[in-house]
Amino acid sequence: MKTEITQEEHITVVAVTETVDALTAPDLTRTLSQEISGGHCNLVVDLTRVEFMSSAGLRTLLGAVKESRTNGGDLRIASMNPGIDKVLKMSGFYNVAKVFPSQAEALTSFSS
């Protein structure tokens, strides 16, 4: 798993690539927690280039959603990968966080 962090005005984008599973989820958890504790509580996690996500990855996202909201922000997910989108839908993530088909739409959602 690789992550790339960029700032778009008051929003932090964490673009994730490859696989998020039991081995890599702790690294993603650490990355997201560091951003939130550093005051970057509005996050977009871009999963567009993720090939596989296990339940460990879902737990990481759930924890980050809760942590960002506790700190006055929110977390949005960008995913146009059909496989990842299916996992998010089946796990009920659409009821927990806002999921968008693109990073641009996720970013725009913060201003609406």
N, C-alpha and C. Protein backbone atom coordinates (compact mmCIF):
# COMPACT_ATOMS: atom_id res chain seq x y z
N MET A 1 0.84 -1.17 0.00
CA MET A 1 0.00 0.00 0.00
C MET A 1 0.88 1.23 0.00
N LYS A 2 0.45 2.24 -0.76
CA LYS A 2 1.13 3.53 -0.77
C LYS A 2 0.08 4.61 -0.55
N THR A 3 0.51 5.68 0.09
CA THR A 3 -0.38 6.82 0.26
C THR A 3 0.33 8.08 -0.22
N GLU A 4 -0.46 8.97 -0.77
CA GLU A 4 0.04 10.28 -1.18
C GLU A 4 -0.88 11.32 -0.57
N ILE A 5 -0.30 12.26 0.16
CA ILE A 5 -1.09 13.26 0.87
C ILE A 5 -0.91 14.61 0.21
N THR A 6 -2.04 15.25 -0.11
CA THR A 6 -2.02 16.59 -0.69
C THR A 6 -3.05 17.45 0.03
N GLN A 7 -2.86 18.75 -0.06
CA GLN A 7 -3.80 19.71 0.54
C GLN A 7 -4.56 20.42 -0.58
N GLU A 8 -5.85 20.48 -0.44
CA GLU A 8 -6.72 21.24 -1.34
C GLU A 8 -7.48 22.23 -0.48
N GLU A 9 -6.96 23.45 -0.36
CA GLU A 9 -7.51 24.47 0.54
C GLU A 9 -7.54 23.92 1.96
N HIS A 10 -8.72 23.77 2.55
CA HIS A 10 -8.83 23.31 3.95
C HIS A 10 -9.11 21.80 4.05
N ILE A 11 -8.86 21.07 2.96
CA ILE A 11 -9.16 19.63 2.91
C ILE A 11 -7.88 18.85 2.61
N THR A 12 -7.66 17.80 3.36
CA THR A 12 -6.52 16.92 3.13
C THR A 12 -6.99 15.72 2.31
N VAL A 13 -6.28 15.46 1.22
CA VAL A 13 -6.59 14.31 0.38
C VAL A 13 -5.54 13.24 0.63
N VAL A 14 -6.01 12.05 0.97
CA VAL A 14 -5.13 10.91 1.15
C VAL A 14 -5.47 9.91 0.03
N ALA A 15 -4.63 9.88 -0.98
CA ALA A 15 -4.83 8.95 -2.10
C ALA A 15 -4.11 7.65 -1.78
N VAL A 16 -4.86 6.57 -1.83
CA VAL A 16 -4.34 5.25 -1.45
C VAL A 16 -4.25 4.39 -2.72
N THR A 17 -3.16 3.64 -2.84
CA THR A 17 -3.02 2.72 -3.97
C THR A 17 -2.70 1.32 -3.48
N GLU A 18 -2.93 0.37 -4.35
CA GLU A 18 -2.62 -1.05 -4.15
C GLU A 18 -3.64 -1.74 -3.24
N THR A 19 -3.21 -2.29 -2.11
CA THR A 19 -4.05 -3.15 -1.27
C THR A 19 -4.12 -2.62 0.16
N VAL A 20 -5.33 -2.64 0.73
CA VAL A 20 -5.50 -2.30 2.14
C VAL A 20 -6.04 -3.55 2.82
N ASP A 21 -5.17 -4.20 3.60
CA ASP A 21 -5.53 -5.44 4.27
C ASP A 21 -4.97 -5.43 5.69
N ALA A 22 -4.98 -6.58 6.32
CA ALA A 22 -4.52 -6.67 7.72
C ALA A 22 -3.06 -6.23 7.88
N LEU A 23 -2.26 -6.41 6.84
CA LEU A 23 -0.85 -6.02 6.93
C LEU A 23 -0.64 -4.52 6.72
N THR A 24 -1.46 -3.90 5.89
CA THR A 24 -1.23 -2.50 5.54
C THR A 24 -2.17 -1.53 6.24
N ALA A 25 -3.30 -2.02 6.75
CA ALA A 25 -4.28 -1.14 7.41
C ALA A 25 -3.68 -0.36 8.58
N PRO A 26 -2.80 -0.94 9.40
CA PRO A 26 -2.21 -0.15 10.49
C PRO A 26 -1.45 1.09 9.99
N ASP A 27 -0.79 0.97 8.85
CA ASP A 27 -0.09 2.14 8.29
C ASP A 27 -1.09 3.22 7.87
N LEU A 28 -2.21 2.80 7.27
CA LEU A 28 -3.23 3.77 6.86
C LEU A 28 -3.87 4.40 8.10
N THR A 29 -4.11 3.60 9.13
CA THR A 29 -4.67 4.12 10.38
C THR A 29 -3.75 5.19 10.96
N ARG A 30 -2.47 4.90 10.99
CA ARG A 30 -1.48 5.85 11.51
C ARG A 30 -1.46 7.14 10.67
N THR A 31 -1.48 7.00 9.37
CA THR A 31 -1.46 8.17 8.48
C THR A 31 -2.68 9.05 8.71
N LEU A 32 -3.86 8.44 8.73
CA LEU A 32 -5.09 9.22 8.92
C LEU A 32 -5.13 9.87 10.31
N SER A 33 -4.72 9.13 11.33
CA SER A 33 -4.70 9.69 12.69
C SER A 33 -3.73 10.85 12.81
N GLN A 34 -2.57 10.74 12.16
CA GLN A 34 -1.59 11.84 12.19
C GLN A 34 -2.16 13.09 11.52
N GLU A 35 -2.86 12.92 10.43
CA GLU A 35 -3.46 14.07 9.75
C GLU A 35 -4.51 14.73 10.65
N ILE A 36 -5.36 13.92 11.25
CA ILE A 36 -6.42 14.47 12.10
C ILE A 36 -5.83 15.13 13.34
N SER A 37 -4.88 14.48 13.99
CA SER A 37 -4.28 15.08 15.18
C SER A 37 -3.46 16.32 14.84
N GLY A 38 -3.05 16.44 13.59
CA GLY A 38 -2.33 17.63 13.13
C GLY A 38 -3.26 18.76 12.72
N GLY A 39 -4.56 18.58 12.97
CA GLY A 39 -5.52 19.64 12.68
C GLY A 39 -6.18 19.54 11.32
N HIS A 40 -5.88 18.50 10.57
CA HIS A 40 -6.49 18.30 9.25
C HIS A 40 -7.66 17.35 9.39
N CYS A 41 -8.78 17.88 9.87
CA CYS A 41 -9.93 17.04 10.22
C CYS A 41 -10.90 16.82 9.07
N ASN A 42 -10.80 17.63 8.01
CA ASN A 42 -11.60 17.39 6.81
C ASN A 42 -10.74 16.61 5.84
N LEU A 43 -11.15 15.37 5.59
CA LEU A 43 -10.35 14.45 4.78
C LEU A 43 -11.15 13.88 3.62
N VAL A 44 -10.46 13.68 2.52
CA VAL A 44 -10.97 12.86 1.43
C VAL A 44 -10.01 11.69 1.30
N VAL A 45 -10.53 10.49 1.44
CA VAL A 45 -9.71 9.30 1.22
C VAL A 45 -10.07 8.78 -0.17
N ASP A 46 -9.10 8.87 -1.07
CA ASP A 46 -9.31 8.47 -2.46
C ASP A 46 -8.88 7.01 -2.63
N LEU A 47 -9.87 6.15 -2.86
CA LEU A 47 -9.63 4.72 -3.01
C LEU A 47 -9.68 4.28 -4.47
N THR A 48 -9.66 5.24 -5.37
CA THR A 48 -9.81 4.95 -6.80
C THR A 48 -8.79 3.93 -7.30
N ARG A 49 -7.57 3.98 -6.78
CA ARG A 49 -6.52 3.08 -7.26
C ARG A 49 -6.24 1.92 -6.30
N VAL A 50 -7.18 1.66 -5.40
CA VAL A 50 -7.04 0.50 -4.51
C VAL A 50 -7.58 -0.73 -5.23
N GLU A 51 -6.78 -1.79 -5.22
CA GLU A 51 -7.15 -3.02 -5.92
C GLU A 51 -7.95 -3.97 -5.04
N PHE A 52 -7.69 -3.94 -3.73
CA PHE A 52 -8.36 -4.84 -2.80
C PHE A 52 -8.43 -4.19 -1.43
N MET A 53 -9.57 -4.38 -0.75
CA MET A 53 -9.70 -3.88 0.61
C MET A 53 -10.38 -4.95 1.45
N SER A 54 -9.74 -5.29 2.57
CA SER A 54 -10.31 -6.28 3.49
C SER A 54 -11.11 -5.56 4.58
N SER A 55 -11.65 -6.36 5.49
CA SER A 55 -12.40 -5.78 6.60
C SER A 55 -11.50 -4.92 7.48
N ALA A 56 -10.21 -5.20 7.50
CA ALA A 56 -9.27 -4.36 8.27
C ALA A 56 -9.24 -2.95 7.70
N GLY A 57 -9.31 -2.83 6.39
CA GLY A 57 -9.35 -1.51 5.75
C GLY A 57 -10.65 -0.79 6.08
N LEU A 58 -11.75 -1.52 6.10
CA LEU A 58 -13.03 -0.91 6.45
C LEU A 58 -13.02 -0.40 7.88
N ARG A 59 -12.44 -1.18 8.80
CA ARG A 59 -12.33 -0.74 10.20
C ARG A 59 -11.48 0.53 10.30
N THR A 60 -10.43 0.60 9.52
CA THR A 60 -9.60 1.80 9.50
C THR A 60 -10.40 3.01 9.06
N LEU A 61 -11.17 2.86 8.00
CA LEU A 61 -11.98 3.98 7.52
C LEU A 61 -13.03 4.38 8.55
N LEU A 62 -13.67 3.39 9.16
CA LEU A 62 -14.69 3.68 10.17
C LEU A 62 -14.09 4.45 11.34
N GLY A 63 -12.93 4.02 11.81
CA GLY A 63 -12.27 4.72 12.89
C GLY A 63 -11.90 6.14 12.52
N ALA A 64 -11.45 6.34 11.28
CA ALA A 64 -11.07 7.68 10.83
C ALA A 64 -12.29 8.58 10.68
N VAL A 65 -13.41 8.03 10.25
CA VAL A 65 -14.65 8.82 10.16
C VAL A 65 -15.02 9.32 11.56
N LYS A 66 -15.02 8.42 12.53
CA LYS A 66 -15.37 8.79 13.90
C LYS A 66 -14.39 9.81 14.46
N GLU A 67 -13.10 9.59 14.24
CA GLU A 67 -12.08 10.49 14.77
C GLU A 67 -12.17 11.88 14.14
N SER A 68 -12.39 11.94 12.84
CA SER A 68 -12.49 13.26 12.19
C SER A 68 -13.73 14.01 12.67
N ARG A 69 -14.84 13.32 12.83
CA ARG A 69 -16.07 13.97 13.31
C ARG A 69 -15.94 14.41 14.76
N THR A 70 -15.28 13.62 15.58
CA THR A 70 -15.05 13.99 16.98
C THR A 70 -14.24 15.28 17.06
N ASN A 71 -13.38 15.49 16.09
CA ASN A 71 -12.51 16.67 16.08
C ASN A 71 -13.07 17.80 15.22
N GLY A 72 -14.35 17.74 14.90
CA GLY A 72 -15.01 18.84 14.20
C GLY A 72 -14.92 18.82 12.69
N GLY A 73 -14.48 17.71 12.12
CA GLY A 73 -14.37 17.62 10.67
C GLY A 73 -15.25 16.51 10.13
N ASP A 74 -14.87 16.02 8.95
CA ASP A 74 -15.58 14.91 8.34
C ASP A 74 -14.65 14.22 7.37
N LEU A 75 -15.00 13.00 7.02
CA LEU A 75 -14.23 12.23 6.07
C LEU A 75 -15.14 11.81 4.94
N ARG A 76 -14.69 12.04 3.73
CA ARG A 76 -15.42 11.63 2.53
C ARG A 76 -14.57 10.61 1.79
N ILE A 77 -15.21 9.73 1.05
CA ILE A 77 -14.52 8.69 0.31
C ILE A 77 -14.75 8.89 -1.18
N ALA A 78 -13.68 8.79 -1.95
CA ALA A 78 -13.77 8.80 -3.40
C ALA A 78 -13.42 7.40 -3.89
N SER A 79 -14.33 6.80 -4.67
CA SER A 79 -14.07 5.46 -5.18
C SER A 79 -14.86 5.22 -6.45
N MET A 80 -14.16 5.08 -7.57
CA MET A 80 -14.84 4.68 -8.79
C MET A 80 -14.43 3.28 -9.20
N ASN A 81 -13.72 2.59 -8.34
CA ASN A 81 -13.35 1.20 -8.58
C ASN A 81 -14.57 0.34 -8.26
N PRO A 82 -15.14 -0.36 -9.24
CA PRO A 82 -16.36 -1.14 -8.99
C PRO A 82 -16.23 -2.16 -7.86
N GLY A 83 -15.08 -2.81 -7.74
CA GLY A 83 -14.89 -3.81 -6.68
C GLY A 83 -14.90 -3.19 -5.30
N ILE A 84 -14.19 -2.09 -5.14
CA ILE A 84 -14.15 -1.40 -3.84
C ILE A 84 -15.51 -0.79 -3.53
N ASP A 85 -16.14 -0.23 -4.53
CA ASP A 85 -17.47 0.36 -4.33
C ASP A 85 -18.46 -0.70 -3.85
N LYS A 86 -18.37 -1.89 -4.40
CA LYS A 86 -19.25 -2.99 -3.99
C LYS A 86 -19.01 -3.35 -2.52
N VAL A 87 -17.75 -3.42 -2.12
CA VAL A 87 -17.42 -3.71 -0.71
C VAL A 87 -17.99 -2.63 0.20
N LEU A 88 -17.85 -1.36 -0.20
CA LEU A 88 -18.37 -0.26 0.61
C LEU A 88 -19.89 -0.34 0.73
N LYS A 89 -20.57 -0.68 -0.36
CA LYS A 89 -22.03 -0.79 -0.32
C LYS A 89 -22.48 -1.98 0.53
N MET A 90 -21.84 -3.13 0.32
CA MET A 90 -22.24 -4.34 1.06
C MET A 90 -22.00 -4.20 2.55
N SER A 91 -20.98 -3.45 2.93
CA SER A 91 -20.66 -3.29 4.35
C SER A 91 -21.47 -2.19 5.02
N GLY A 92 -22.29 -1.49 4.24
CA GLY A 92 -23.11 -0.42 4.80
C GLY A 92 -22.39 0.91 4.94
N PHE A 93 -21.25 1.05 4.31
CA PHE A 93 -20.47 2.27 4.45
C PHE A 93 -21.18 3.49 3.88
N TYR A 94 -22.07 3.28 2.94
CA TYR A 94 -22.82 4.40 2.38
C TYR A 94 -23.73 5.03 3.43
N ASN A 95 -24.03 4.30 4.50
CA ASN A 95 -24.83 4.85 5.59
C ASN A 95 -23.97 5.53 6.64
N VAL A 96 -22.66 5.33 6.58
CA VAL A 96 -21.74 5.86 7.58
C VAL A 96 -21.03 7.12 7.08
N ALA A 97 -20.58 7.07 5.84
CA ALA A 97 -19.80 8.18 5.27
C ALA A 97 -20.33 8.50 3.88
N LYS A 98 -20.03 9.69 3.42
CA LYS A 98 -20.41 10.08 2.08
C LYS A 98 -19.38 9.54 1.10
N VAL A 99 -19.87 8.82 0.09
CA VAL A 99 -19.00 8.21 -0.91
C VAL A 99 -19.30 8.83 -2.26
N PHE A 100 -18.26 9.22 -2.97
CA PHE A 100 -18.39 9.90 -4.25
C PHE A 100 -17.60 9.15 -5.32
N PRO A 101 -18.03 9.27 -6.58
CA PRO A 101 -17.32 8.56 -7.64
C PRO A 101 -15.98 9.18 -8.03
N SER A 102 -15.71 10.39 -7.58
CA SER A 102 -14.43 11.03 -7.94
C SER A 102 -13.93 11.90 -6.79
N GLN A 103 -12.63 12.14 -6.82
CA GLN A 103 -12.01 13.00 -5.82
C GLN A 103 -12.56 14.42 -5.93
N ALA A 104 -12.77 14.90 -7.14
CA ALA A 104 -13.28 16.26 -7.35
C ALA A 104 -14.66 16.42 -6.72
N GLU A 105 -15.53 15.43 -6.88
CA GLU A 105 -16.87 15.51 -6.29
C GLU A 105 -16.81 15.45 -4.77
N ALA A 106 -15.92 14.65 -4.25
CA ALA A 106 -15.76 14.57 -2.79
C ALA A 106 -15.28 15.91 -2.24
N LEU A 107 -14.33 16.53 -2.93
CA LEU A 107 -13.83 17.84 -2.49
C LEU A 107 -14.92 18.90 -2.55
N THR A 108 -15.67 18.92 -3.63
CA THR A 108 -16.76 19.89 -3.80
C THR A 108 -17.83 19.73 -2.74
N SER A 109 -18.04 18.52 -2.26
CA SER A 109 -19.11 18.27 -1.28
C SER A 109 -18.88 18.99 0.03
N PHE A 110 -17.64 19.36 0.33
CA PHE A 110 -17.37 20.10 1.56
C PHE A 110 -17.90 21.52 1.50
N SER A 111 -18.07 22.06 0.31
CA SER A 111 -18.53 23.45 0.20
C SER A 111 -20.03 23.54 0.01
N SER A 112 -20.71 22.39 -0.08
CA SER A 112 -22.17 22.45 -0.27
C SER A 112 -22.92 22.15 0.99
